[in-house]
Amino acid sequence: MLGATEYVLSTEPFVIRRRARWSECDPAGVVYTGRFVDYLLSAVALFNEHMSGETVESAKKKLQIQTPCKGLSLVFDGALWPNNEFDMHVSVSAIRSSSFDIAVRAVRPNGEPVFSGVVSPICIGMTERRSVPIPDELRARLQAAMST
């Protein structure tokens, strides 16, 4: 993979292939711990754009909501070094009244685990600035993308 560091590998299931860059590594050549959060959030953003068919900001503006992160968890299973490729499998894992979970499972192309994580956005009304129920249109998209 020359040039691109991240691209959608498939949409059913939703999988993103990523390549670690040298600039993401410490002097020992190991990817910094904090970069894994970047990988996780980037995968969630691409997944959200795929679900809505438009940019995340445009979709949220139409629904009159914001979706800040209520919670985030990350479990490390293996290290990454420069030019290592890994695939991030993304799906909706839970839907509640105002918040939902998007799960990411990252593996090397041979299937060896790298990390797993969950991002839990919460719907906040643009005018009320408080939690609001997940809009019906978004709920339908989330249910369609729910992992089985």
N, C-alpha and C. Protein backbone atom coordinates (compact mmCIF):
# COMPACT_ATOMS: atom_id res chain seq x y z
N MET A 1 0.86 -1.16 0.00
CA MET A 1 0.00 0.00 0.00
C MET A 1 0.91 1.23 0.00
N LEU A 2 1.08 1.86 -1.11
CA LEU A 2 1.91 3.05 -1.19
C LEU A 2 1.03 4.29 -1.07
N GLY A 3 1.48 5.24 -0.28
CA GLY A 3 0.77 6.50 -0.15
C GLY A 3 -0.33 6.48 0.89
N ALA A 4 -1.42 5.81 0.64
CA ALA A 4 -2.56 5.82 1.54
C ALA A 4 -2.22 5.15 2.86
N THR A 5 -2.66 5.77 3.95
CA THR A 5 -2.44 5.16 5.26
C THR A 5 -3.73 4.57 5.81
N GLU A 6 -4.87 4.91 5.19
CA GLU A 6 -6.14 4.40 5.69
C GLU A 6 -7.16 4.43 4.55
N TYR A 7 -7.89 3.33 4.40
CA TYR A 7 -8.96 3.29 3.40
C TYR A 7 -9.97 2.22 3.77
N VAL A 8 -11.19 2.37 3.23
CA VAL A 8 -12.25 1.40 3.49
C VAL A 8 -11.97 0.17 2.65
N LEU A 9 -11.81 -0.96 3.32
CA LEU A 9 -11.53 -2.23 2.65
C LEU A 9 -12.82 -2.89 2.21
N SER A 10 -13.87 -2.83 3.05
CA SER A 10 -15.19 -3.36 2.68
C SER A 10 -16.27 -2.63 3.48
N THR A 11 -17.48 -2.66 2.95
CA THR A 11 -18.58 -2.00 3.65
C THR A 11 -19.53 -3.00 4.30
N GLU A 12 -19.49 -4.26 3.91
CA GLU A 12 -20.32 -5.31 4.51
C GLU A 12 -19.49 -6.55 4.72
N PRO A 13 -18.89 -6.74 5.86
CA PRO A 13 -18.88 -5.88 7.05
C PRO A 13 -18.01 -4.66 6.80
N PHE A 14 -18.16 -3.65 7.66
CA PHE A 14 -17.40 -2.41 7.50
C PHE A 14 -16.00 -2.62 8.07
N VAL A 15 -15.01 -2.55 7.18
CA VAL A 15 -13.62 -2.79 7.57
C VAL A 15 -12.73 -1.71 6.95
N ILE A 16 -11.86 -1.16 7.76
CA ILE A 16 -10.91 -0.15 7.33
C ILE A 16 -9.51 -0.75 7.45
N ARG A 17 -8.71 -0.61 6.40
CA ARG A 17 -7.31 -1.03 6.48
C ARG A 17 -6.47 0.22 6.77
N ARG A 18 -5.56 0.06 7.69
CA ARG A 18 -4.69 1.17 8.10
C ARG A 18 -3.25 0.69 8.12
N ARG A 19 -2.34 1.61 7.84
CA ARG A 19 -0.90 1.31 7.91
C ARG A 19 -0.29 2.29 8.90
N ALA A 20 0.44 1.76 9.87
CA ALA A 20 1.13 2.61 10.86
C ALA A 20 2.27 3.35 10.16
N ARG A 21 2.41 4.61 10.51
CA ARG A 21 3.47 5.44 9.93
C ARG A 21 4.59 5.64 10.94
N TRP A 22 5.78 5.89 10.41
CA TRP A 22 6.94 6.12 11.26
C TRP A 22 6.69 7.29 12.20
N SER A 23 6.00 8.32 11.75
CA SER A 23 5.75 9.51 12.57
C SER A 23 4.82 9.23 13.75
N GLU A 24 4.18 8.07 13.76
CA GLU A 24 3.29 7.68 14.86
C GLU A 24 4.02 6.88 15.94
N CYS A 25 5.33 6.73 15.77
CA CYS A 25 6.12 5.86 16.65
C CYS A 25 7.05 6.63 17.58
N ASP A 26 7.39 5.97 18.68
CA ASP A 26 8.36 6.52 19.62
C ASP A 26 9.78 6.22 19.10
N PRO A 27 10.82 6.69 19.78
CA PRO A 27 12.18 6.46 19.31
C PRO A 27 12.56 4.98 19.17
N ALA A 28 11.86 4.10 19.89
CA ALA A 28 12.14 2.66 19.77
C ALA A 28 11.44 2.04 18.56
N GLY A 29 10.61 2.85 17.86
CA GLY A 29 9.94 2.36 16.67
C GLY A 29 8.62 1.68 16.95
N VAL A 30 8.03 1.90 18.12
CA VAL A 30 6.73 1.30 18.48
C VAL A 30 5.69 2.41 18.43
N VAL A 31 4.52 2.11 17.88
CA VAL A 31 3.45 3.11 17.80
C VAL A 31 3.09 3.58 19.21
N TYR A 32 3.03 4.91 19.38
CA TYR A 32 2.64 5.52 20.65
C TYR A 32 1.25 5.03 21.07
N THR A 33 1.06 4.83 22.36
CA THR A 33 -0.23 4.40 22.91
C THR A 33 -1.35 5.33 22.49
N GLY A 34 -1.14 6.63 22.56
CA GLY A 34 -2.17 7.61 22.23
C GLY A 34 -2.64 7.54 20.79
N ARG A 35 -1.83 7.04 19.89
CA ARG A 35 -2.22 6.93 18.48
C ARG A 35 -3.36 5.91 18.30
N PHE A 36 -3.44 4.92 19.21
CA PHE A 36 -4.51 3.94 19.10
C PHE A 36 -5.88 4.60 19.26
N VAL A 37 -5.96 5.63 20.10
CA VAL A 37 -7.21 6.39 20.24
C VAL A 37 -7.52 7.09 18.92
N ASP A 38 -6.51 7.65 18.28
CA ASP A 38 -6.70 8.29 16.97
C ASP A 38 -7.23 7.28 15.95
N TYR A 39 -6.64 6.08 15.94
CA TYR A 39 -7.10 5.03 15.02
C TYR A 39 -8.57 4.71 15.28
N LEU A 40 -8.90 4.53 16.55
CA LEU A 40 -10.27 4.20 16.95
C LEU A 40 -11.25 5.29 16.50
N LEU A 41 -10.95 6.55 16.81
CA LEU A 41 -11.86 7.64 16.47
C LEU A 41 -11.96 7.86 14.96
N SER A 42 -10.88 7.65 14.24
CA SER A 42 -10.91 7.77 12.79
C SER A 42 -11.81 6.70 12.18
N ALA A 43 -11.71 5.48 12.69
CA ALA A 43 -12.57 4.38 12.20
C ALA A 43 -14.04 4.69 12.47
N VAL A 44 -14.34 5.22 13.64
CA VAL A 44 -15.73 5.56 13.99
C VAL A 44 -16.24 6.67 13.08
N ALA A 45 -15.42 7.67 12.78
CA ALA A 45 -15.83 8.76 11.89
C ALA A 45 -16.14 8.24 10.49
N LEU A 46 -15.27 7.38 9.95
CA LEU A 46 -15.51 6.81 8.63
C LEU A 46 -16.78 5.96 8.62
N PHE A 47 -17.00 5.21 9.69
CA PHE A 47 -18.20 4.39 9.82
C PHE A 47 -19.46 5.26 9.84
N ASN A 48 -19.41 6.35 10.60
CA ASN A 48 -20.56 7.27 10.67
C ASN A 48 -20.86 7.87 9.31
N GLU A 49 -19.83 8.25 8.57
CA GLU A 49 -20.04 8.79 7.23
C GLU A 49 -20.64 7.74 6.31
N HIS A 50 -20.19 6.51 6.45
CA HIS A 50 -20.76 5.42 5.64
C HIS A 50 -22.24 5.22 5.97
N MET A 51 -22.58 5.23 7.26
CA MET A 51 -23.98 5.03 7.66
C MET A 51 -24.90 6.12 7.12
N SER A 52 -24.43 7.37 7.15
CA SER A 52 -25.30 8.49 6.76
C SER A 52 -25.20 8.83 5.28
N GLY A 53 -24.11 8.44 4.64
CA GLY A 53 -23.93 8.77 3.23
C GLY A 53 -23.50 10.22 3.00
N GLU A 54 -23.10 10.90 4.07
CA GLU A 54 -22.64 12.28 3.97
C GLU A 54 -21.65 12.54 5.11
N THR A 55 -21.11 13.74 5.14
CA THR A 55 -20.16 14.05 6.21
C THR A 55 -20.88 13.98 7.56
N VAL A 56 -20.13 13.69 8.59
CA VAL A 56 -20.69 13.58 9.93
C VAL A 56 -21.35 14.90 10.34
N GLU A 57 -20.66 16.00 10.10
CA GLU A 57 -21.20 17.31 10.51
C GLU A 57 -22.49 17.65 9.77
N SER A 58 -22.55 17.34 8.49
CA SER A 58 -23.76 17.60 7.71
C SER A 58 -24.93 16.77 8.23
N ALA A 59 -24.68 15.50 8.52
CA ALA A 59 -25.74 14.61 9.03
C ALA A 59 -26.24 15.09 10.38
N LYS A 60 -25.33 15.50 11.27
CA LYS A 60 -25.74 15.96 12.60
C LYS A 60 -26.50 17.28 12.50
N LYS A 61 -26.12 18.15 11.59
CA LYS A 61 -26.82 19.42 11.41
C LYS A 61 -28.27 19.18 10.99
N LYS A 62 -28.47 18.24 10.07
CA LYS A 62 -29.83 17.90 9.62
C LYS A 62 -30.68 17.38 10.78
N LEU A 63 -30.06 16.59 11.66
CA LEU A 63 -30.78 16.00 12.80
C LEU A 63 -30.85 16.94 14.00
N GLN A 64 -30.15 18.08 13.91
CA GLN A 64 -30.12 19.06 15.00
C GLN A 64 -29.56 18.49 16.30
N ILE A 65 -28.50 17.69 16.15
CA ILE A 65 -27.84 17.11 17.32
C ILE A 65 -26.33 17.24 17.19
N GLN A 66 -25.66 17.07 18.31
CA GLN A 66 -24.22 16.84 18.37
C GLN A 66 -24.07 15.47 19.03
N THR A 67 -22.93 14.84 18.84
CA THR A 67 -22.71 13.51 19.43
C THR A 67 -21.33 13.45 20.10
N PRO A 68 -21.17 14.18 21.20
CA PRO A 68 -19.89 14.09 21.90
C PRO A 68 -19.69 12.69 22.49
N CYS A 69 -18.47 12.40 22.79
CA CYS A 69 -18.13 11.09 23.35
C CYS A 69 -18.48 11.06 24.84
N LYS A 70 -19.36 10.14 25.20
CA LYS A 70 -19.73 9.95 26.61
C LYS A 70 -18.74 9.00 27.28
N GLY A 71 -18.25 8.05 26.51
CA GLY A 71 -17.31 7.07 27.05
C GLY A 71 -16.46 6.48 25.95
N LEU A 72 -15.29 5.97 26.35
CA LEU A 72 -14.37 5.35 25.41
C LEU A 72 -13.57 4.30 26.16
N SER A 73 -13.45 3.13 25.58
CA SER A 73 -12.61 2.10 26.19
C SER A 73 -11.71 1.50 25.11
N LEU A 74 -10.55 1.05 25.55
CA LEU A 74 -9.58 0.51 24.62
C LEU A 74 -8.78 -0.59 25.32
N VAL A 75 -8.62 -1.71 24.64
CA VAL A 75 -7.85 -2.84 25.16
C VAL A 75 -6.77 -3.15 24.14
N PHE A 76 -5.52 -3.18 24.59
CA PHE A 76 -4.39 -3.46 23.71
C PHE A 76 -4.07 -4.95 23.72
N ASP A 77 -3.95 -5.51 22.52
CA ASP A 77 -3.60 -6.93 22.40
C ASP A 77 -2.23 -7.14 21.78
N GLY A 78 -1.71 -6.11 21.12
CA GLY A 78 -0.41 -6.26 20.47
C GLY A 78 0.14 -4.91 20.07
N ALA A 79 1.45 -4.85 19.88
CA ALA A 79 2.11 -3.62 19.47
C ALA A 79 2.08 -3.47 17.95
N LEU A 80 2.32 -2.24 17.50
CA LEU A 80 2.45 -1.96 16.08
C LEU A 80 3.77 -1.24 15.84
N TRP A 81 4.36 -1.49 14.66
CA TRP A 81 5.60 -0.88 14.25
C TRP A 81 5.38 -0.20 12.90
N PRO A 82 6.31 0.63 12.45
CA PRO A 82 6.13 1.32 11.17
C PRO A 82 5.81 0.35 10.03
N ASN A 83 4.87 0.75 9.21
CA ASN A 83 4.42 0.02 8.03
C ASN A 83 3.60 -1.22 8.33
N ASN A 84 3.33 -1.52 9.61
CA ASN A 84 2.42 -2.62 9.92
C ASN A 84 1.03 -2.26 9.43
N GLU A 85 0.39 -3.18 8.75
CA GLU A 85 -0.99 -3.00 8.33
C GLU A 85 -1.90 -3.71 9.32
N PHE A 86 -3.09 -3.13 9.52
CA PHE A 86 -4.09 -3.76 10.37
C PHE A 86 -5.47 -3.37 9.87
N ASP A 87 -6.43 -4.23 10.13
CA ASP A 87 -7.80 -4.01 9.69
C ASP A 87 -8.69 -3.74 10.89
N MET A 88 -9.49 -2.68 10.80
CA MET A 88 -10.42 -2.33 11.87
C MET A 88 -11.84 -2.67 11.44
N HIS A 89 -12.43 -3.63 12.14
CA HIS A 89 -13.80 -4.07 11.89
C HIS A 89 -14.72 -3.24 12.79
N VAL A 90 -15.68 -2.55 12.20
CA VAL A 90 -16.50 -1.59 12.92
C VAL A 90 -17.97 -1.98 12.85
N SER A 91 -18.67 -1.90 13.99
CA SER A 91 -20.10 -2.18 14.01
C SER A 91 -20.75 -1.50 15.21
N VAL A 92 -22.06 -1.38 15.16
CA VAL A 92 -22.81 -0.87 16.31
C VAL A 92 -23.01 -2.05 17.25
N SER A 93 -22.68 -1.86 18.53
CA SER A 93 -22.80 -2.97 19.48
C SER A 93 -23.90 -2.77 20.52
N ALA A 94 -24.40 -1.53 20.67
CA ALA A 94 -25.50 -1.28 21.62
C ALA A 94 -26.20 0.02 21.25
N ILE A 95 -27.51 0.05 21.49
CA ILE A 95 -28.31 1.25 21.27
C ILE A 95 -29.16 1.46 22.51
N ARG A 96 -29.07 2.67 23.07
CA ARG A 96 -29.87 3.01 24.25
C ARG A 96 -30.80 4.17 23.89
N SER A 97 -31.37 4.84 24.85
CA SER A 97 -32.32 5.91 24.55
C SER A 97 -31.63 7.15 23.97
N SER A 98 -30.51 7.57 24.55
CA SER A 98 -29.82 8.77 24.08
C SER A 98 -28.40 8.50 23.59
N SER A 99 -27.89 7.32 23.86
CA SER A 99 -26.51 7.02 23.49
C SER A 99 -26.43 5.64 22.83
N PHE A 100 -25.29 5.38 22.24
CA PHE A 100 -25.08 4.10 21.55
C PHE A 100 -23.60 3.78 21.58
N ASP A 101 -23.25 2.55 21.26
CA ASP A 101 -21.86 2.10 21.26
C ASP A 101 -21.45 1.68 19.86
N ILE A 102 -20.28 2.11 19.45
CA ILE A 102 -19.67 1.64 18.21
C ILE A 102 -18.40 0.89 18.60
N ALA A 103 -18.36 -0.37 18.21
CA ALA A 103 -17.24 -1.24 18.57
C ALA A 103 -16.27 -1.35 17.40
N VAL A 104 -14.99 -1.39 17.73
CA VAL A 104 -13.93 -1.54 16.74
C VAL A 104 -13.02 -2.67 17.20
N ARG A 105 -12.80 -3.62 16.31
CA ARG A 105 -11.88 -4.73 16.59
C ARG A 105 -10.80 -4.69 15.52
N ALA A 106 -9.55 -4.46 15.95
CA ALA A 106 -8.44 -4.34 15.00
C ALA A 106 -7.60 -5.61 15.02
N VAL A 107 -7.31 -6.10 13.82
CA VAL A 107 -6.49 -7.32 13.67
C VAL A 107 -5.49 -7.11 12.54
N ARG A 108 -4.40 -7.84 12.62
CA ARG A 108 -3.46 -7.87 11.50
C ARG A 108 -4.12 -8.63 10.35
N PRO A 109 -3.63 -8.49 9.13
CA PRO A 109 -4.22 -9.24 8.01
C PRO A 109 -4.27 -10.75 8.24
N ASN A 110 -3.38 -11.29 9.10
CA ASN A 110 -3.40 -12.73 9.39
C ASN A 110 -4.39 -13.10 10.49
N GLY A 111 -5.12 -12.09 11.02
CA GLY A 111 -6.12 -12.34 12.05
C GLY A 111 -5.65 -12.13 13.47
N GLU A 112 -4.37 -11.90 13.68
CA GLU A 112 -3.83 -11.69 15.03
C GLU A 112 -4.38 -10.38 15.61
N PRO A 113 -4.93 -10.41 16.83
CA PRO A 113 -5.51 -9.20 17.43
C PRO A 113 -4.48 -8.11 17.70
N VAL A 114 -4.90 -6.86 17.50
CA VAL A 114 -4.06 -5.70 17.79
C VAL A 114 -4.69 -4.88 18.93
N PHE A 115 -5.97 -4.54 18.79
CA PHE A 115 -6.68 -3.84 19.87
C PHE A 115 -8.18 -3.95 19.63
N SER A 116 -8.94 -3.68 20.67
CA SER A 116 -10.39 -3.56 20.54
C SER A 116 -10.81 -2.35 21.36
N GLY A 117 -11.87 -1.72 20.90
CA GLY A 117 -12.32 -0.52 21.60
C GLY A 117 -13.79 -0.26 21.36
N VAL A 118 -14.35 0.59 22.20
CA VAL A 118 -15.74 1.00 22.08
C VAL A 118 -15.80 2.51 22.30
N VAL A 119 -16.50 3.19 21.41
CA VAL A 119 -16.78 4.61 21.56
C VAL A 119 -18.28 4.74 21.80
N SER A 120 -18.65 5.52 22.81
CA SER A 120 -20.06 5.68 23.19
C SER A 120 -20.49 7.14 23.04
N PRO A 121 -20.98 7.52 21.85
CA PRO A 121 -21.49 8.88 21.67
C PRO A 121 -22.84 9.04 22.37
N ILE A 122 -23.15 10.28 22.75
CA ILE A 122 -24.46 10.60 23.32
C ILE A 122 -25.06 11.73 22.49
N CYS A 123 -26.35 11.67 22.24
CA CYS A 123 -27.03 12.69 21.45
C CYS A 123 -27.36 13.89 22.33
N ILE A 124 -26.91 15.05 21.90
CA ILE A 124 -27.13 16.31 22.60
C ILE A 124 -27.86 17.24 21.62
N GLY A 125 -28.97 17.81 22.07
CA GLY A 125 -29.70 18.75 21.22
C GLY A 125 -28.90 20.00 20.97
N MET A 126 -28.90 20.50 19.72
CA MET A 126 -28.12 21.70 19.40
C MET A 126 -28.64 22.93 20.13
N THR A 127 -29.93 22.99 20.36
CA THR A 127 -30.48 24.16 21.04
C THR A 127 -30.60 23.96 22.53
N GLU A 128 -30.97 22.74 22.97
CA GLU A 128 -31.15 22.48 24.41
C GLU A 128 -29.84 22.31 25.15
N ARG A 129 -28.81 21.81 24.44
CA ARG A 129 -27.51 21.49 25.04
C ARG A 129 -27.64 20.51 26.20
N ARG A 130 -28.51 19.53 26.02
CA ARG A 130 -28.69 18.44 26.98
C ARG A 130 -28.97 17.17 26.19
N SER A 131 -28.91 16.04 26.86
CA SER A 131 -29.15 14.78 26.13
C SER A 131 -30.58 14.74 25.63
N VAL A 132 -30.72 14.18 24.44
CA VAL A 132 -32.03 14.02 23.80
C VAL A 132 -32.11 12.59 23.27
N PRO A 133 -33.32 12.09 23.05
CA PRO A 133 -33.43 10.74 22.47
C PRO A 133 -32.76 10.69 21.09
N ILE A 134 -32.25 9.53 20.76
CA ILE A 134 -31.66 9.33 19.44
C ILE A 134 -32.75 9.58 18.40
N PRO A 135 -32.52 10.50 17.44
CA PRO A 135 -33.52 10.75 16.40
C PRO A 135 -33.86 9.45 15.64
N ASP A 136 -35.12 9.33 15.24
CA ASP A 136 -35.60 8.11 14.57
C ASP A 136 -34.74 7.74 13.36
N GLU A 137 -34.36 8.73 12.55
CA GLU A 137 -33.55 8.46 11.36
C GLU A 137 -32.20 7.85 11.73
N LEU A 138 -31.57 8.39 12.76
CA LEU A 138 -30.29 7.85 13.22
C LEU A 138 -30.49 6.48 13.85
N ARG A 139 -31.53 6.31 14.64
CA ARG A 139 -31.81 5.02 15.27
C ARG A 139 -31.97 3.92 14.20
N ALA A 140 -32.67 4.24 13.12
CA ALA A 140 -32.86 3.26 12.04
C ALA A 140 -31.52 2.87 11.42
N ARG A 141 -30.64 3.85 11.21
CA ARG A 141 -29.31 3.55 10.65
C ARG A 141 -28.50 2.69 11.61
N LEU A 142 -28.57 3.04 12.90
CA LEU A 142 -27.83 2.28 13.89
C LEU A 142 -28.31 0.83 13.96
N GLN A 143 -29.63 0.65 13.93
CA GLN A 143 -30.19 -0.71 13.99
C GLN A 143 -29.78 -1.51 12.78
N ALA A 144 -29.73 -0.87 11.62
CA ALA A 144 -29.32 -1.57 10.39
C ALA A 144 -27.85 -1.99 10.46
N ALA A 145 -27.04 -1.23 11.19
CA ALA A 145 -25.60 -1.51 11.29
C ALA A 145 -25.22 -2.31 12.52
N MET A 146 -26.23 -2.71 13.29
CA MET A 146 -25.97 -3.42 14.56
C MET A 146 -25.32 -4.77 14.28
N SER A 147 -24.29 -5.08 15.06
CA SER A 147 -23.63 -6.38 14.92
C SER A 147 -24.56 -7.46 15.45
N THR A 148 -24.41 -8.63 14.91
CA THR A 148 -25.26 -9.74 15.34
C THR A 148 -24.51 -10.70 16.22
